[in-house]
Amino acid sequence: MANEAAKGHLAELVELVQGGMASIARAQEERARLTATAHAAGRRVTITVNADCIVIKTEFSDDIDDLTYSEIAAAVTTATQDAAAQVQKQAQTIQEAALEEQARIPALSEFFPAMPDIKAMMPTPPKVSTAPPGSPERIAPEMEEPVRFTNVEEWDHDKPTRSTIAAPEW
């Protein structure tokens, strides 16, 4: 009897896992088809990005020459960042739906108490900056306290010394 119940639980678990994998595959396919378009500089610049936030189309209006080169560059950057934010929001919505379905799958730790919860161990990736190169937020944070070596021999690097390897004593 207990064996039949265990087989039933295992069959249910396998079905949940297969459904979860199918859900992940659907979400991945749906995400891969995403695009987003954004405009800047009074709709003179239009940028379209794919799901990976890669620019796949750039359009300038007929009156683009009313802008300076730096204004065009700023508009391209702004429109690209806006389109990327849109596509990331769409992808997040897709991912949340898939995660809701995956939440129904019991963790391995429920079946094997000694097994750690892998999901809880996964680190959360940091938010990626959209700041230009050289901006303060792009600089890596300094270590809280610099490493100091205490058991060291002082050496005067400026003082010329004769190598003992080539010494006549050898």
Protein backbone atom coordinates (compact mmCIF):
# COMPACT_ATOMS: atom_id res chain seq x y z
CA MET A 1 0.00 0.00 0.00
CA ALA A 2 2.72 2.48 0.99
CA ASN A 3 4.62 1.56 -2.16
CA GLU A 4 1.57 2.42 -4.31
CA ALA A 5 1.22 5.78 -2.56
CA ALA A 6 4.91 6.53 -3.16
CA LYS A 7 4.52 5.62 -6.84
CA GLY A 8 1.52 7.94 -7.07
CA HIS A 9 3.46 10.82 -5.48
CA LEU A 10 6.40 10.21 -7.79
CA ALA A 11 4.15 10.13 -10.87
CA GLU A 12 2.56 13.40 -9.75
CA LEU A 13 5.99 14.96 -9.20
CA VAL A 14 7.20 13.84 -12.63
CA GLU A 15 4.07 15.32 -14.22
CA LEU A 16 4.61 18.63 -12.38
CA VAL A 17 8.26 18.77 -13.45
CA GLN A 18 7.40 18.01 -17.08
CA GLY A 19 4.71 20.69 -17.02
CA GLY A 20 7.19 23.13 -15.49
CA MET A 21 9.77 22.39 -18.18
CA ALA A 22 7.15 22.88 -20.90
CA SER A 23 6.19 26.18 -19.27
CA ILE A 24 9.83 27.31 -19.24
CA ALA A 25 10.21 26.38 -22.92
CA ARG A 26 7.05 28.35 -23.83
CA ALA A 27 8.26 31.36 -21.83
CA GLN A 28 11.67 31.23 -23.51
CA GLU A 29 10.09 31.11 -26.98
CA GLU A 30 7.71 33.95 -26.13
CA ARG A 31 10.57 36.05 -24.75
CA ALA A 32 12.73 35.40 -27.83
CA ARG A 33 10.03 36.99 -30.03
CA LEU A 34 9.84 40.20 -28.00
CA THR A 35 10.71 43.58 -29.48
CA ALA A 36 10.19 47.12 -28.25
CA THR A 37 10.34 50.47 -30.00
CA ALA A 38 10.99 53.88 -28.50
CA HIS A 39 11.26 57.42 -29.84
CA ALA A 40 13.29 60.46 -28.81
CA ALA A 41 13.98 64.03 -29.89
CA GLY A 42 10.42 64.72 -30.92
CA ARG A 43 10.14 61.38 -32.76
CA ARG A 44 13.12 62.25 -34.94
CA VAL A 45 14.92 59.13 -33.64
CA THR A 46 13.24 55.72 -33.44
CA ILE A 47 15.01 52.67 -32.06
CA THR A 48 13.79 49.07 -31.96
CA VAL A 49 15.48 46.43 -29.81
CA ASN A 50 15.06 42.67 -29.52
CA ALA A 51 14.59 40.61 -26.35
CA ASP A 52 18.32 40.81 -25.59
CA CYS A 53 18.16 44.64 -25.81
CA ILE A 54 20.20 44.63 -29.00
CA VAL A 55 19.31 47.36 -31.48
CA ILE A 56 17.70 45.75 -34.52
CA LYS A 57 16.42 48.88 -36.26
CA THR A 58 17.36 52.56 -36.19
CA GLU A 59 15.30 55.18 -37.98
CA PHE A 60 15.78 58.93 -38.35
CA SER A 61 13.02 61.26 -39.50
CA ASP A 62 13.45 63.53 -42.50
CA ASP A 63 14.12 66.51 -40.23
CA ILE A 64 16.95 64.83 -38.28
CA ASP A 65 19.35 67.44 -39.67
CA ASP A 66 17.68 70.01 -37.38
CA LEU A 67 19.66 68.38 -34.55
CA THR A 68 23.35 68.59 -33.81
CA TYR A 69 25.47 65.46 -33.74
CA SER A 70 25.55 65.46 -29.95
CA GLU A 71 21.75 65.84 -29.81
CA ILE A 72 21.37 62.91 -32.21
CA ALA A 73 23.75 60.83 -30.12
CA ALA A 74 21.86 61.67 -26.93
CA ALA A 75 18.53 60.88 -28.62
CA VAL A 76 19.81 57.50 -29.84
CA THR A 77 21.00 56.68 -26.32
CA THR A 78 17.72 57.77 -24.75
CA ALA A 79 15.55 55.89 -27.24
CA THR A 80 17.69 52.77 -26.92
CA GLN A 81 17.48 52.82 -23.13
CA ASP A 82 13.71 53.40 -23.25
CA ALA A 83 13.20 50.52 -25.69
CA ALA A 84 15.42 48.26 -23.60
CA ALA A 85 13.43 49.11 -20.46
CA GLN A 86 10.18 48.29 -22.29
CA VAL A 87 11.41 44.92 -23.54
CA GLN A 88 12.82 44.04 -20.12
CA LYS A 89 9.45 44.82 -18.53
CA GLN A 90 7.71 42.57 -21.06
CA ALA A 91 10.24 39.79 -20.39
CA GLN A 92 9.74 40.19 -16.63
CA THR A 93 5.99 39.70 -17.07
CA ILE A 94 6.61 36.50 -19.03
CA GLN A 95 9.12 35.27 -16.46
CA GLU A 96 6.77 35.96 -13.53
CA ALA A 97 4.05 33.87 -15.16
CA ALA A 98 6.48 30.97 -15.63
CA LEU A 99 7.74 31.31 -12.05
CA GLU A 100 4.18 31.11 -10.70
CA GLU A 101 3.75 27.79 -12.47
CA GLN A 102 7.13 26.54 -11.23
CA ALA A 103 6.21 27.45 -7.66
CA ARG A 104 3.78 24.52 -7.67
CA ILE A 105 6.71 22.09 -8.03
CA PRO A 106 7.84 20.95 -4.60
CA ALA A 107 11.46 21.49 -3.66
CA LEU A 108 13.75 18.46 -3.41
CA SER A 109 14.23 19.30 0.26
CA GLU A 110 10.57 18.36 0.81
CA PHE A 111 11.37 14.80 -0.26
CA PHE A 112 14.93 14.65 1.04
CA PRO A 113 15.23 16.73 4.22
CA ALA A 114 19.05 16.73 4.12
CA MET A 115 19.02 18.24 0.61
CA PRO A 116 19.60 22.02 0.63
CA ASP A 117 17.07 24.30 -1.06
CA ILE A 118 18.87 25.16 -4.30
CA LYS A 119 16.47 28.00 -5.17
CA ALA A 120 17.24 29.77 -1.89
CA MET A 121 20.97 29.47 -2.57
CA MET A 122 20.81 31.23 -5.96
CA PRO A 123 22.22 34.77 -5.79
CA THR A 124 20.22 37.64 -7.19
CA PRO A 125 22.05 39.36 -10.07
CA PRO A 126 22.80 43.05 -9.55
CA LYS A 127 20.99 45.70 -11.56
CA VAL A 128 22.99 46.65 -14.66
CA SER A 129 23.87 50.33 -14.93
CA THR A 130 22.90 52.47 -17.90
CA ALA A 131 25.39 55.16 -16.90
CA PRO A 132 28.03 56.08 -19.47
CA PRO A 133 31.62 54.83 -19.10
CA GLY A 134 33.63 56.65 -16.43
CA SER A 135 30.55 57.54 -14.34
CA PRO A 136 30.92 57.23 -10.57
CA GLU A 137 28.40 54.37 -10.40
CA ARG A 138 30.49 52.34 -12.89
CA ILE A 139 33.54 52.44 -10.64
CA ALA A 140 33.92 49.25 -8.61
CA PRO A 141 33.39 49.82 -4.91
CA GLU A 142 36.59 49.92 -2.92
CA MET A 143 37.32 47.17 -0.47
CA GLU A 144 36.14 48.19 2.98
CA GLU A 145 39.61 47.82 4.44
CA PRO A 146 42.75 47.48 2.35
CA VAL A 147 44.85 44.37 2.86
CA ARG A 148 47.90 45.11 4.98
CA PHE A 149 50.81 42.71 5.29
CA THR A 150 52.59 42.89 8.65
CA ASN A 151 55.22 40.14 8.51
CA VAL A 152 57.30 41.57 5.67
CA GLU A 153 60.89 42.54 4.99
CA GLU A 154 61.48 46.12 3.92
CA TRP A 155 63.35 46.50 0.63
CA ASP A 156 64.83 49.63 -0.85
CA HIS A 157 63.98 49.29 -4.54
CA ASP A 158 65.97 52.35 -5.53
CA LYS A 159 69.27 51.15 -4.07
CA PRO A 160 71.40 49.32 -6.69
CA THR A 161 72.58 45.93 -5.47
CA ARG A 162 74.92 43.38 -6.88
CA SER A 163 73.41 40.00 -7.59
CA THR A 164 74.78 37.23 -5.39
CA ILE A 165 74.07 34.68 -8.12
CA ALA A 166 76.84 36.07 -10.33
CA ALA A 167 79.21 36.63 -7.41
CA PRO A 168 82.77 35.25 -7.71
CA GLU A 169 82.18 33.15 -4.57
CA TRP A 170 80.18 30.72 -6.65
